[in-house]
Amino acid sequence: MLAWNRFPQDYPEVPFLQVQFEDLKRNNVKEVKRLAEFLCRPLSDKVCEEIADACSFSNLKQASVHKDPTHLNRWIDGSSGVFRTGETGGWKHWFTVAQSEKFDRMYEQKYHRPFPY
C-alpha cells in the first residue's frame, strides 16, 4: 500500500487513477464516470449507468460461468478464483478484532490518517 500511495508522487508524469472496491460498492456509477473522465472520455450519466450495470459483480460472475474454469487458480474451495462474494467487509472472517485494531493503528502511523474503510 505504501508503494501504491507513493506512486503518484514518485512518478508525477505517469497518469494514475486508484479505484477502491469499497468506493465501487458505494457508488459504482460515480466511479465509472471518474474512470471515463480520467481516460479523457467523458460519458453521459446514462452510459455510465449502463456500464456500471454491465460490470456489476452479479453480471460479471454470471458471465464467468460460461468460461472454461480450468485455467483459473482455485484459491478457495468452490470459488472460481476470480469472484468471491462481491461484498465488502470480508476481512471480518479472517481478522480478529485485535488484529483489525492493530492494523488500524499501524495504518494511521504510516499514513497519518485513519484507515478509510
PDB file of N, CA and C in Angstrom:
ATOM      1  N   MET A   1       0.825  -1.190   0.000  1.00  0.00           N
ATOM      2  CA  MET A   1       0.000   0.000   0.000  1.00  0.00           C
ATOM      3  C   MET A   1       0.868   1.253   0.000  1.00  0.00           C
ATOM      4  N   LEU A   2       1.976   1.182   0.729  1.00  0.00           N
ATOM      5  CA  LEU A   2       2.862   2.348   0.749  1.00  0.00           C
ATOM      6  C   LEU A   2       3.358   2.672  -0.650  1.00  0.00           C
ATOM      7  N   ALA A   3       3.759   1.654  -1.392  1.00  0.00           N
ATOM      8  CA  ALA A   3       4.269   1.871  -2.742  1.00  0.00           C
ATOM      9  C   ALA A   3       3.193   2.444  -3.655  1.00  0.00           C
ATOM     10  N   TRP A   4       1.989   1.904  -3.577  1.00  0.00           N
ATOM     11  CA  TRP A   4       0.900   2.417  -4.415  1.00  0.00           C
ATOM     12  C   TRP A   4       0.575   3.863  -4.056  1.00  0.00           C
ATOM     13  N   ASN A   5       0.528   4.156  -2.782  1.00  0.00           N
ATOM     14  CA  ASN A   5       0.195   5.519  -2.369  1.00  0.00           C
ATOM     15  C   ASN A   5       1.312   6.506  -2.670  1.00  0.00           C
ATOM     16  N   ARG A   6       2.535   6.029  -2.760  1.00  0.00           N
ATOM     17  CA  ARG A   6       3.668   6.894  -3.117  1.00  0.00           C
ATOM     18  C   ARG A   6       3.813   7.080  -4.617  1.00  0.00           C
ATOM     19  N   PHE A   7       3.251   6.170  -5.388  1.00  0.00           N
ATOM     20  CA  PHE A   7       3.453   6.164  -6.835  1.00  0.00           C
ATOM     21  C   PHE A   7       3.183   7.520  -7.493  1.00  0.00           C
ATOM     22  N   PRO A   8       2.064   8.181  -7.230  1.00  0.00           N
ATOM     23  CA  PRO A   8       1.817   9.477  -7.892  1.00  0.00           C
ATOM     24  C   PRO A   8       2.879  10.534  -7.569  1.00  0.00           C
ATOM     25  N   GLN A   9       3.419  10.509  -6.359  1.00  0.00           N
ATOM     26  CA  GLN A   9       4.464  11.467  -6.005  1.00  0.00           C
ATOM     27  C   GLN A   9       5.801  11.069  -6.638  1.00  0.00           C
ATOM     28  N   ASP A  10       6.091   9.781  -6.686  1.00  0.00           N
ATOM     29  CA  ASP A  10       7.353   9.307  -7.238  1.00  0.00           C
ATOM     30  C   ASP A  10       7.399   9.424  -8.763  1.00  0.00           C
ATOM     31  N   TYR A  11       6.249   9.308  -9.405  1.00  0.00           N
ATOM     32  CA  TYR A  11       6.174   9.339 -10.871  1.00  0.00           C
ATOM     33  C   TYR A  11       5.057  10.285 -11.326  1.00  0.00           C
ATOM     34  N   PRO A  12       5.195  11.577 -11.074  1.00  0.00           N
ATOM     35  CA  PRO A  12       4.117  12.509 -11.394  1.00  0.00           C
ATOM     36  C   PRO A  12       3.798  12.594 -12.891  1.00  0.00           C
ATOM     37  N   GLU A  13       4.721  12.160 -13.730  1.00  0.00           N
ATOM     38  CA  GLU A  13       4.488  12.219 -15.177  1.00  0.00           C
ATOM     39  C   GLU A  13       3.609  11.062 -15.673  1.00  0.00           C
ATOM     40  N   VAL A  14       3.376  10.065 -14.824  1.00  0.00           N
ATOM     41  CA  VAL A  14       2.576   8.906 -15.214  1.00  0.00           C
ATOM     42  C   VAL A  14       1.136   9.109 -14.749  1.00  0.00           C
ATOM     43  N   PRO A  15       0.194   9.102 -15.670  1.00  0.00           N
ATOM     44  CA  PRO A  15      -1.217   9.214 -15.253  1.00  0.00           C
ATOM     45  C   PRO A  15      -1.569   8.052 -14.324  1.00  0.00           C
ATOM     46  N   PHE A  16      -2.286   8.345 -13.275  1.00  0.00           N
ATOM     47  CA  PHE A  16      -2.561   7.339 -12.242  1.00  0.00           C
ATOM     48  C   PHE A  16      -3.950   7.571 -11.674  1.00  0.00           C
ATOM     49  N   LEU A  17      -4.722   6.527 -11.627  1.00  0.00           N
ATOM     50  CA  LEU A  17      -6.044   6.580 -11.002  1.00  0.00           C
ATOM     51  C   LEU A  17      -6.176   5.358 -10.118  1.00  0.00           C
ATOM     52  N   GLN A  18      -6.442   5.578  -8.854  1.00  0.00           N
ATOM     53  CA  GLN A  18      -6.626   4.476  -7.919  1.00  0.00           C
ATOM     54  C   GLN A  18      -8.109   4.323  -7.647  1.00  0.00           C
ATOM     55  N   VAL A  19      -8.606   3.115  -7.832  1.00  0.00           N
ATOM     56  CA  VAL A  19     -10.018   2.805  -7.612  1.00  0.00           C
ATOM     57  C   VAL A  19     -10.095   1.784  -6.478  1.00  0.00           C
ATOM     58  N   GLN A  20     -10.907   2.081  -5.500  1.00  0.00           N
ATOM     59  CA  GLN A  20     -11.073   1.188  -4.348  1.00  0.00           C
ATOM     60  C   GLN A  20     -12.381   0.405  -4.488  1.00  0.00           C
ATOM     61  N   PHE A  21     -12.321  -0.871  -4.169  1.00  0.00           N
ATOM     62  CA  PHE A  21     -13.501  -1.728  -4.234  1.00  0.00           C
ATOM     63  C   PHE A  21     -14.648  -1.147  -3.407  1.00  0.00           C
ATOM     64  N   GLU A  22     -14.313  -0.643  -2.230  1.00  0.00           N
ATOM     65  CA  GLU A  22     -15.351  -0.089  -1.351  1.00  0.00           C
ATOM     66  C   GLU A  22     -16.060   1.092  -2.007  1.00  0.00           C
ATOM     67  N   ASP A  23     -15.312   1.913  -2.747  1.00  0.00           N
ATOM     68  CA  ASP A  23     -15.923   3.044  -3.455  1.00  0.00           C
ATOM     69  C   ASP A  23     -16.821   2.563  -4.594  1.00  0.00           C
ATOM     70  N   LEU A  24     -16.403   1.516  -5.272  1.00  0.00           N
ATOM     71  CA  LEU A  24     -17.250   0.932  -6.319  1.00  0.00           C
ATOM     72  C   LEU A  24     -18.552   0.406  -5.731  1.00  0.00           C
ATOM     73  N   LYS A  25     -18.457  -0.218  -4.568  1.00  0.00           N
ATOM     74  CA  LYS A  25     -19.665  -0.740  -3.932  1.00  0.00           C
ATOM     75  C   LYS A  25     -20.594   0.384  -3.485  1.00  0.00           C
ATOM     76  N   ARG A  26     -20.015   1.481  -3.018  1.00  0.00           N
ATOM     77  CA  ARG A  26     -20.832   2.619  -2.562  1.00  0.00           C
ATOM     78  C   ARG A  26     -21.549   3.298  -3.708  1.00  0.00           C
ATOM     79  N   ASN A  27     -20.818   3.533  -4.819  1.00  0.00           N
ATOM     80  CA  ASN A  27     -21.410   4.271  -5.930  1.00  0.00           C
ATOM     81  C   ASN A  27     -20.664   3.912  -7.217  1.00  0.00           C
ATOM     82  N   ASN A  28     -21.056   2.805  -7.824  1.00  0.00           N
ATOM     83  CA  ASN A  28     -20.335   2.330  -8.998  1.00  0.00           C
ATOM     84  C   ASN A  28     -20.487   3.257 -10.210  1.00  0.00           C
ATOM     85  N   VAL A  29     -21.612   3.923 -10.336  1.00  0.00           N
ATOM     86  CA  VAL A  29     -21.804   4.846 -11.458  1.00  0.00           C
ATOM     87  C   VAL A  29     -20.833   6.027 -11.334  1.00  0.00           C
ATOM     88  N   LYS A  30     -20.686   6.550 -10.140  1.00  0.00           N
ATOM     89  CA  LYS A  30     -19.745   7.644  -9.907  1.00  0.00           C
ATOM     90  C   LYS A  30     -18.316   7.224 -10.264  1.00  0.00           C
ATOM     91  N   GLU A  31     -17.938   5.997  -9.905  1.00  0.00           N
ATOM     92  CA  GLU A  31     -16.589   5.511 -10.185  1.00  0.00           C
ATOM     93  C   GLU A  31     -16.381   5.276 -11.682  1.00  0.00           C
ATOM     94  N   VAL A  32     -17.405   4.804 -12.379  1.00  0.00           N
ATOM     95  CA  VAL A  32     -17.308   4.649 -13.833  1.00  0.00           C
ATOM     96  C   VAL A  32     -17.112   6.012 -14.478  1.00  0.00           C
ATOM     97  N   LYS A  33     -17.863   6.998 -14.019  1.00  0.00           N
ATOM     98  CA  LYS A  33     -17.740   8.362 -14.548  1.00  0.00           C
ATOM     99  C   LYS A  33     -16.337   8.918 -14.276  1.00  0.00           C
ATOM    100  N   ARG A  34     -15.827   8.672 -13.099  1.00  0.00           N
ATOM    101  CA  ARG A  34     -14.485   9.130 -12.737  1.00  0.00           C
ATOM    102  C   ARG A  34     -13.434   8.478 -13.638  1.00  0.00           C
ATOM    103  N   LEU A  35     -13.594   7.197 -13.910  1.00  0.00           N
ATOM    104  CA  LEU A  35     -12.674   6.487 -14.790  1.00  0.00           C
ATOM    105  C   LEU A  35     -12.757   7.044 -16.213  1.00  0.00           C
ATOM    106  N   ALA A  36     -13.959   7.278 -16.701  1.00  0.00           N
ATOM    107  CA  ALA A  36     -14.134   7.833 -18.049  1.00  0.00           C
ATOM    108  C   ALA A  36     -13.464   9.203 -18.166  1.00  0.00           C
ATOM    109  N   GLU A  37     -13.634  10.031 -17.142  1.00  0.00           N
ATOM    110  CA  GLU A  37     -13.005  11.350 -17.153  1.00  0.00           C
ATOM    111  C   GLU A  37     -11.487  11.236 -17.101  1.00  0.00           C
ATOM    112  N   PHE A  38     -10.975  10.294 -16.314  1.00  0.00           N
ATOM    113  CA  PHE A  38      -9.531  10.070 -16.239  1.00  0.00           C
ATOM    114  C   PHE A  38      -8.980   9.680 -17.611  1.00  0.00           C
ATOM    115  N   LEU A  39      -9.744   8.891 -18.347  1.00  0.00           N
ATOM    116  CA  LEU A  39      -9.325   8.445 -19.677  1.00  0.00           C
ATOM    117  C   LEU A  39      -9.625   9.486 -20.757  1.00  0.00           C
ATOM    118  N   CYS A  40     -10.095  10.674 -20.323  1.00  0.00           N
ATOM    119  CA  CYS A  40     -10.452  11.757 -21.258  1.00  0.00           C
ATOM    120  C   CYS A  40     -11.534  11.308 -22.229  1.00  0.00           C
ATOM    121  N   ARG A  41     -12.453  10.517 -21.724  1.00  0.00           N
ATOM    122  CA  ARG A  41     -13.584  10.030 -22.498  1.00  0.00           C
ATOM    123  C   ARG A  41     -14.867  10.232 -21.695  1.00  0.00           C
ATOM    124  N   PRO A  42     -15.222  11.487 -21.451  1.00  0.00           N
ATOM    125  CA  PRO A  42     -16.431  11.717 -20.649  1.00  0.00           C
ATOM    126  C   PRO A  42     -17.658  11.068 -21.297  1.00  0.00           C
ATOM    127  N   LEU A  43     -18.493  10.508 -20.463  1.00  0.00           N
ATOM    128  CA  LEU A  43     -19.683   9.807 -20.916  1.00  0.00           C
ATOM    129  C   LEU A  43     -20.914  10.386 -20.240  1.00  0.00           C
ATOM    130  N   SER A  44     -22.045  10.190 -20.872  1.00  0.00           N
ATOM    131  CA  SER A  44     -23.303  10.645 -20.270  1.00  0.00           C
ATOM    132  C   SER A  44     -23.597   9.805 -19.038  1.00  0.00           C
ATOM    133  N   ASP A  45     -24.446  10.347 -18.176  1.00  0.00           N
ATOM    134  CA  ASP A  45     -24.843   9.602 -16.985  1.00  0.00           C
ATOM    135  C   ASP A  45     -25.491   8.274 -17.365  1.00  0.00           C
ATOM    136  N   LYS A  46     -26.302   8.289 -18.421  1.00  0.00           N
ATOM    137  CA  LYS A  46     -26.990   7.069 -18.862  1.00  0.00           C
ATOM    138  C   LYS A  46     -25.978   5.993 -19.271  1.00  0.00           C
ATOM    139  N   VAL A  47     -24.964   6.361 -20.036  1.00  0.00           N
ATOM    140  CA  VAL A  47     -23.957   5.387 -20.458  1.00  0.00           C
ATOM    141  C   VAL A  47     -23.169   4.879 -19.243  1.00  0.00           C
ATOM    142  N   CYS A  48     -22.850   5.753 -18.317  1.00  0.00           N
ATOM    143  CA  CYS A  48     -22.146   5.330 -17.096  1.00  0.00           C
ATOM    144  C   CYS A  48     -22.987   4.338 -16.303  1.00  0.00           C
ATOM    145  N   GLU A  49     -24.291   4.581 -16.242  1.00  0.00           N
ATOM    146  CA  GLU A  49     -25.192   3.652 -15.549  1.00  0.00           C
ATOM    147  C   GLU A  49     -25.216   2.299 -16.253  1.00  0.00           C
ATOM    148  N   GLU A  50     -25.244   2.307 -17.598  1.00  0.00           N
ATOM    149  CA  GLU A  50     -25.268   1.059 -18.358  1.00  0.00           C
ATOM    150  C   GLU A  50     -23.971   0.271 -18.164  1.00  0.00           C
ATOM    151  N   ILE A  51     -22.850   0.974 -18.162  1.00  0.00           N
ATOM    152  CA  ILE A  51     -21.560   0.311 -17.943  1.00  0.00           C
ATOM    153  C   ILE A  51     -21.501  -0.266 -16.528  1.00  0.00           C
ATOM    154  N   ALA A  52     -21.923   0.536 -15.548  1.00  0.00           N
ATOM    155  CA  ALA A  52     -21.907   0.067 -14.162  1.00  0.00           C
ATOM    156  C   ALA A  52     -22.769  -1.177 -14.003  1.00  0.00           C
ATOM    157  N   ASP A  53     -23.913  -1.204 -14.654  1.00  0.00           N
ATOM    158  CA  ASP A  53     -24.786  -2.371 -14.575  1.00  0.00           C
ATOM    159  C   ASP A  53     -24.138  -3.573 -15.254  1.00  0.00           C
ATOM    160  N   ALA A  54     -23.598  -3.375 -16.454  1.00  0.00           N
ATOM    161  CA  ALA A  54     -22.973  -4.471 -17.193  1.00  0.00           C
ATOM    162  C   ALA A  54     -21.775  -5.032 -16.434  1.00  0.00           C
ATOM    163  N   CYS A  55     -21.087  -4.175 -15.684  1.00  0.00           N
ATOM    164  CA  CYS A  55     -19.885  -4.592 -14.941  1.00  0.00           C
ATOM    165  C   CYS A  55     -20.173  -4.899 -13.481  1.00  0.00           C
ATOM    166  N   SER A  56     -21.437  -5.015 -13.125  1.00  0.00           N
ATOM    167  CA  SER A  56     -21.773  -5.333 -11.741  1.00  0.00           C
ATOM    168  C   SER A  56     -21.234  -6.712 -11.387  1.00  0.00           C
ATOM    169  N   PHE A  57     -21.017  -6.927 -10.125  1.00  0.00           N
ATOM    170  CA  PHE A  57     -20.489  -8.205  -9.660  1.00  0.00           C
ATOM    171  C   PHE A  57     -21.350  -9.358 -10.146  1.00  0.00           C
ATOM    172  N   SER A  58     -22.654  -9.261  -9.982  1.00  0.00           N
ATOM    173  CA  SER A  58     -23.530 -10.373 -10.347  1.00  0.00           C
ATOM    174  C   SER A  58     -23.487 -10.650 -11.849  1.00  0.00           C
ATOM    175  N   ASN A  59     -23.465  -9.607 -12.672  1.00  0.00           N
ATOM    176  CA  ASN A  59     -23.413  -9.824 -14.118  1.00  0.00           C
ATOM    177  C   ASN A  59     -22.074 -10.413 -14.552  1.00  0.00           C
ATOM    178  N   LEU A  60     -20.971  -9.930 -14.000  1.00  0.00           N
ATOM    179  CA  LEU A  60     -19.664 -10.470 -14.360  1.00  0.00           C
ATOM    180  C   LEU A  60     -19.501 -11.903 -13.863  1.00  0.00           C
ATOM    181  N   LYS A  61     -19.992 -12.175 -12.667  1.00  0.00           N
ATOM    182  CA  LYS A  61     -19.897 -13.535 -12.134  1.00  0.00           C
ATOM    183  C   LYS A  61     -20.714 -14.490 -12.998  1.00  0.00           C
ATOM    184  N   GLN A  62     -21.893 -14.070 -13.388  1.00  0.00           N
ATOM    185  CA  GLN A  62     -22.741 -14.905 -14.242  1.00  0.00           C
ATOM    186  C   GLN A  62     -22.072 -15.144 -15.595  1.00  0.00           C
ATOM    187  N   ALA A  63     -21.458 -14.123 -16.156  1.00  0.00           N
ATOM    188  CA  ALA A  63     -20.772 -14.268 -17.444  1.00  0.00           C
ATOM    189  C   ALA A  63     -19.602 -15.226 -17.331  1.00  0.00           C
ATOM    190  N   SER A  64     -18.950 -15.266 -16.165  1.00  0.00           N
ATOM    191  CA  SER A  64     -17.783 -16.134 -15.997  1.00  0.00           C
ATOM    192  C   SER A  64     -18.177 -17.609 -15.945  1.00  0.00           C
ATOM    193  N   VAL A  65     -19.435 -17.891 -15.671  1.00  0.00           N
ATOM    194  CA  VAL A  65     -19.906 -19.275 -15.603  1.00  0.00           C
ATOM    195  C   VAL A  65     -19.706 -19.947 -16.961  1.00  0.00           C
ATOM    196  N   HIS A  66     -19.772 -19.170 -18.025  1.00  0.00           N
ATOM    197  CA  HIS A  66     -19.671 -19.709 -19.377  1.00  0.00           C
ATOM    198  C   HIS A  66     -18.232 -19.827 -19.859  1.00  0.00           C
ATOM    199  N   LYS A  67     -17.271 -19.436 -19.039  1.00  0.00           N
ATOM    200  CA  LYS A  67     -15.859 -19.528 -19.391  1.00  0.00           C
ATOM    201  C   LYS A  67     -15.292 -20.865 -18.935  1.00  0.00           C
ATOM    202  N   ASP A  68     -14.196 -21.276 -19.553  1.00  0.00           N
ATOM    203  CA  ASP A  68     -13.517 -22.507 -19.161  1.00  0.00           C
ATOM    204  C   ASP A  68     -12.784 -22.266 -17.847  1.00  0.00           C
ATOM    205  N   PRO A  69     -13.212 -22.889 -16.752  1.00  0.00           N
ATOM    206  CA  PRO A  69     -12.610 -22.604 -15.435  1.00  0.00           C
ATOM    207  C   PRO A  69     -11.288 -23.321 -15.186  1.00  0.00           C
ATOM    208  N   THR A  70     -10.835 -24.176 -16.097  1.00  0.00           N
ATOM    209  CA  THR A  70      -9.647 -24.975 -15.809  1.00  0.00           C
ATOM    210  C   THR A  70      -8.379 -24.139 -15.711  1.00  0.00           C
ATOM    211  N   HIS A  71      -8.374 -22.941 -16.275  1.00  0.00           N
ATOM    212  CA  HIS A  71      -7.180 -22.101 -16.236  1.00  0.00           C
ATOM    213  C   HIS A  71      -7.144 -21.188 -15.009  1.00  0.00           C
ATOM    214  N   LEU A  72      -8.179 -21.209 -14.212  1.00  0.00           N
ATOM    215  CA  LEU A  72      -8.251 -20.312 -13.068  1.00  0.00           C
ATOM    216  C   LEU A  72      -7.652 -20.947 -11.822  1.00  0.00           C
ATOM    217  N   ASN A  73      -7.043 -20.123 -11.009  1.00  0.00           N
ATOM    218  CA  ASN A  73      -6.464 -20.570  -9.745  1.00  0.00           C
ATOM    219  C   ASN A  73      -7.591 -20.707  -8.715  1.00  0.00           C
ATOM    220  N   ARG A  74      -7.825 -21.884  -8.249  1.00  0.00           N
ATOM    221  CA  ARG A  74      -8.894 -22.105  -7.269  1.00  0.00           C
ATOM    222  C   ARG A  74      -8.323 -21.942  -5.866  1.00  0.00           C
ATOM    223  N   TRP A  75      -8.268 -20.709  -5.416  1.00  0.00           N
ATOM    224  CA  TRP A  75      -7.644 -20.418  -4.130  1.00  0.00           C
ATOM    225  C   TRP A  75      -8.596 -20.553  -2.967  1.00  0.00           C
ATOM    226  N   ILE A  76      -9.870 -20.723  -3.219  1.00  0.00           N
ATOM    227  CA  ILE A  76     -10.846 -21.017  -2.165  1.00  0.00           C
ATOM    228  C   ILE A  76     -11.783 -22.083  -2.722  1.00  0.00           C
ATOM    229  N   ASP A  77     -12.023 -23.147  -1.986  1.00  0.00           N
ATOM    230  CA  ASP A  77     -12.913 -24.196  -2.462  1.00  0.00           C
ATOM    231  C   ASP A  77     -14.248 -23.614  -2.898  1.00  0.00           C
ATOM    232  N   GLY A  78     -14.684 -24.016  -4.072  1.00  0.00           N
ATOM    233  CA  GLY A  78     -15.965 -23.556  -4.584  1.00  0.00           C
ATOM    234  C   GLY A  78     -15.896 -22.203  -5.258  1.00  0.00           C
ATOM    235  N   SER A  79     -14.722 -21.585  -5.291  1.00  0.00           N
ATOM    236  CA  SER A  79     -14.569 -20.283  -5.919  1.00  0.00           C
ATOM    237  C   SER A  79     -13.881 -20.454  -7.255  1.00  0.00           C
ATOM    238  N   SER A  80     -14.208 -19.590  -8.197  1.00  0.00           N
ATOM    239  CA  SER A  80     -13.530 -19.612  -9.486  1.00  0.00           C
ATOM    240  C   SER A  80     -12.121 -19.080  -9.354  1.00  0.00           C
ATOM    241  N   GLY A  81     -11.819 -18.469  -8.221  1.00  0.00           N
ATOM    242  CA  GLY A  81     -10.525 -17.833  -8.041  1.00  0.00           C
ATOM    243  C   GLY A  81     -10.552 -16.397  -8.503  1.00  0.00           C
ATOM    244  N   VAL A  82     -11.615 -15.995  -9.132  1.00  0.00           N
ATOM    245  CA  VAL A  82     -11.757 -14.621  -9.588  1.00  0.00           C
ATOM    246  C   VAL A  82     -12.845 -13.912  -8.787  1.00  0.00           C
ATOM    247  N   PHE A  83     -13.943 -14.573  -8.585  1.00  0.00           N
ATOM    248  CA  PHE A  83     -15.077 -13.983  -7.882  1.00  0.00           C
ATOM    249  C   PHE A  83     -15.274 -14.672  -6.543  1.00  0.00           C
ATOM    250  N   ARG A  84     -15.454 -13.861  -5.533  1.00  0.00           N
ATOM    251  CA  ARG A  84     -15.760 -14.427  -4.217  1.00  0.00           C
ATOM    252  C   ARG A  84     -17.184 -14.027  -3.865  1.00  0.00           C
ATOM    253  N   THR A  85     -17.356 -13.060  -2.960  1.00  0.00           N
ATOM    254  CA  THR A  85     -18.707 -12.708  -2.514  1.00  0.00           C
ATOM    255  C   THR A  85     -19.228 -11.425  -3.130  1.00  0.00           C
ATOM    256  N   GLY A  86     -18.334 -10.553  -3.547  1.00  0.00           N
ATOM    257  CA  GLY A  86     -18.762  -9.272  -4.093  1.00  0.00           C
ATOM    258  C   GLY A  86     -19.205  -8.292  -3.028  1.00  0.00           C
ATOM    259  N   GLU A  87     -18.852  -8.549  -1.794  1.00  0.00           N
ATOM    260  CA  GLU A  87     -19.223  -7.686  -0.679  1.00  0.00           C
ATOM    261  C   GLU A  87     -17.978  -7.170   0.017  1.00  0.00           C
ATOM    262  N   THR A  88     -18.112  -6.041   0.665  1.00  0.00           N
ATOM    263  CA  THR A  88     -17.025  -5.506   1.473  1.00  0.00           C
ATOM    264  C   THR A  88     -17.096  -6.127   2.866  1.00  0.00           C
ATOM    265  N   GLY A  89     -16.030  -5.973   3.607  1.00  0.00           N
ATOM    266  CA  GLY A  89     -16.025  -6.449   4.993  1.00  0.00           C
ATOM    267  C   GLY A  89     -15.637  -7.902   5.163  1.00  0.00           C
ATOM    268  N   GLY A  90     -15.149  -8.547   4.103  1.00  0.00           N
ATOM    269  CA  GLY A  90     -14.748  -9.946   4.199  1.00  0.00           C
ATOM    270  C   GLY A  90     -13.622 -10.173   5.184  1.00  0.00           C
ATOM    271  N   TRP A  91     -12.874  -9.110   5.465  1.00  0.00           N
ATOM    272  CA  TRP A  91     -11.772  -9.223   6.433  1.00  0.00           C
ATOM    273  C   TRP A  91     -12.273  -9.708   7.784  1.00  0.00           C
ATOM    274  N   LYS A  92     -13.525  -9.450   8.097  1.00  0.00           N
ATOM    275  CA  LYS A  92     -14.070  -9.846   9.401  1.00  0.00           C
ATOM    276  C   LYS A  92     -14.055 -11.364   9.579  1.00  0.00           C
ATOM    277  N   HIS A  93     -14.016 -12.090   8.461  1.00  0.00           N
ATOM    278  CA  HIS A  93     -13.972 -13.548   8.531  1.00  0.00           C
ATOM    279  C   HIS A  93     -12.543 -14.067   8.729  1.00  0.00           C
ATOM    280  N   TRP A  94     -11.565 -13.183   8.593  1.00  0.00           N
ATOM    281  CA  TRP A  94     -10.165 -13.594   8.657  1.00  0.00           C
ATOM    282  C   TRP A  94      -9.412 -12.948   9.811  1.00  0.00           C
ATOM    283  N   PHE A  95      -9.734 -11.700  10.150  1.00  0.00           N
ATOM    284  CA  PHE A  95      -9.049 -10.962  11.212  1.00  0.00           C
ATOM    285  C   PHE A  95      -9.854 -11.046  12.499  1.00  0.00           C
ATOM    286  N   THR A  96      -9.155 -11.139  13.596  1.00  0.00           N
ATOM    287  CA  THR A  96      -9.830 -10.982  14.878  1.00  0.00           C
ATOM    288  C   THR A  96     -10.023  -9.484  15.109  1.00  0.00           C
ATOM    289  N   VAL A  97     -10.787  -9.121  16.100  1.00  0.00           N
ATOM    290  CA  VAL A  97     -10.965  -7.713  16.445  1.00  0.00           C
ATOM    291  C   VAL A  97      -9.610  -7.107  16.815  1.00  0.00           C
ATOM    292  N   ALA A  98      -8.814  -7.832  17.561  1.00  0.00           N
ATOM    293  CA  ALA A  98      -7.487  -7.333  17.966  1.00  0.00           C
ATOM    294  C   ALA A  98      -6.594  -7.107  16.752  1.00  0.00           C
ATOM    295  N   GLN A  99      -6.622  -8.013  15.781  1.00  0.00           N
ATOM    296  CA  GLN A  99      -5.823  -7.834  14.563  1.00  0.00           C
ATOM    297  C   GLN A  99      -6.298  -6.624  13.768  1.00  0.00           C
ATOM    298  N   SER A 100      -7.600  -6.437  13.687  1.00  0.00           N
ATOM    299  CA  SER A 100      -8.156  -5.291  12.973  1.00  0.00           C
ATOM    300  C   SER A 100      -7.733  -3.983  13.636  1.00  0.00           C
ATOM    301  N   GLU A 101      -7.809  -3.951  14.948  1.00  0.00           N
ATOM    302  CA  GLU A 101      -7.403  -2.741  15.674  1.00  0.00           C
ATOM    303  C   GLU A 101      -5.913  -2.476  15.487  1.00  0.00           C
ATOM    304  N   LYS A 102      -5.109  -3.520  15.490  1.00  0.00           N
ATOM    305  CA  LYS A 102      -3.670  -3.363  15.268  1.00  0.00           C
ATOM    306  C   LYS A 102      -3.408  -2.826  13.864  1.00  0.00           C
ATOM    307  N   PHE A 103      -4.111  -3.360  12.877  1.00  0.00           N
ATOM    308  CA  PHE A 103      -3.963  -2.870  11.508  1.00  0.00           C
ATOM    309  C   PHE A 103      -4.317  -1.385  11.426  1.00  0.00           C
ATOM    310  N   ASP A 104      -5.448  -1.013  12.034  1.00  0.00           N
ATOM    311  CA  ASP A 104      -5.869   0.393  12.016  1.00  0.00           C
ATOM    312  C   ASP A 104      -4.802   1.300  12.623  1.00  0.00           C
ATOM    313  N   ARG A 105      -4.215   0.874  13.742  1.00  0.00           N
ATOM    314  CA  ARG A 105      -3.150   1.668  14.382  1.00  0.00           C
ATOM    315  C   ARG A 105      -1.926   1.783  13.471  1.00  0.00           C
ATOM    316  N   MET A 106      -1.524   0.681  12.878  1.00  0.00           N
ATOM    317  CA  MET A 106      -0.353   0.696  12.001  1.00  0.00           C
ATOM    318  C   MET A 106      -0.605   1.562  10.763  1.00  0.00           C
ATOM    319  N   TYR A 107      -1.796   1.463  10.204  1.00  0.00           N
ATOM    320  CA  TYR A 107      -2.150   2.272   9.037  1.00  0.00           C
ATOM    321  C   TYR A 107      -2.067   3.753   9.381  1.00  0.00           C
ATOM    322  N   GLU A 108      -2.654   4.117  10.508  1.00  0.00           N
ATOM    323  CA  GLU A 108      -2.653   5.524  10.914  1.00  0.00           C
ATOM    324  C   GLU A 108      -1.227   6.027  11.172  1.00  0.00           C
ATOM    325  N   GLN A 109      -0.373   5.195  11.736  1.00  0.00           N
ATOM    326  CA  GLN A 109       1.024   5.588  11.958  1.00  0.00           C
ATOM    327  C   GLN A 109       1.745   5.817  10.633  1.00  0.00           C
ATOM    328  N   LYS A 110       1.498   4.974   9.640  1.00  0.00           N
ATOM    329  CA  LYS A 110       2.185   5.075   8.356  1.00  0.00           C
ATOM    330  C   LYS A 110       1.648   6.229   7.505  1.00  0.00           C
ATOM    331  N   TYR A 111       0.337   6.436   7.521  1.00  0.00           N
ATOM    332  CA  TYR A 111      -0.297   7.407   6.616  1.00  0.00           C
ATOM    333  C   TYR A 111      -0.753   8.694   7.292  1.00  0.00           C
ATOM    334  N   HIS A 112      -0.678   8.724   8.601  1.00  0.00           N
ATOM    335  CA  HIS A 112      -1.077   9.918   9.360  1.00  0.00           C
ATOM    336  C   HIS A 112      -2.539  10.290   9.115  1.00  0.00           C
ATOM    337  N   ARG A 113      -3.338   9.269   8.942  1.00  0.00           N
ATOM    338  CA  ARG A 113      -4.791   9.447   8.819  1.00  0.00           C
ATOM    339  C   ARG A 113      -5.442   8.089   9.104  1.00  0.00           C
ATOM    340  N   PRO A 114      -6.690   8.084   9.539  1.00  0.00           N
ATOM    341  CA  PRO A 114      -7.342   6.807   9.836  1.00  0.00           C
ATOM    342  C   PRO A 114      -7.586   5.986   8.564  1.00  0.00           C
ATOM    343  N   PHE A 115      -7.651   4.693   8.712  1.00  0.00           N
ATOM    344  CA  PHE A 115      -7.968   3.817   7.594  1.00  0.00           C
ATOM    345  C   PHE A 115      -9.382   4.175   7.117  1.00  0.00           C
ATOM    346  N   PRO A 116      -9.547   4.458   5.816  1.00  0.00           N
ATOM    347  CA  PRO A 116     -10.838   4.978   5.341  1.00  0.00           C
ATOM    348  C   PRO A 116     -11.963   3.966   5.251  1.00  0.00           C
ATOM    349  N   TYR A 117     -11.653   2.693   5.367  1.00  0.00           N
ATOM    350  CA  TYR A 117     -12.706   1.689   5.188  1.00  0.00           C
ATOM    351  C   TYR A 117     -12.793   0.845   6.411  1.00  0.00           C
TER     352      TYR A 117
END
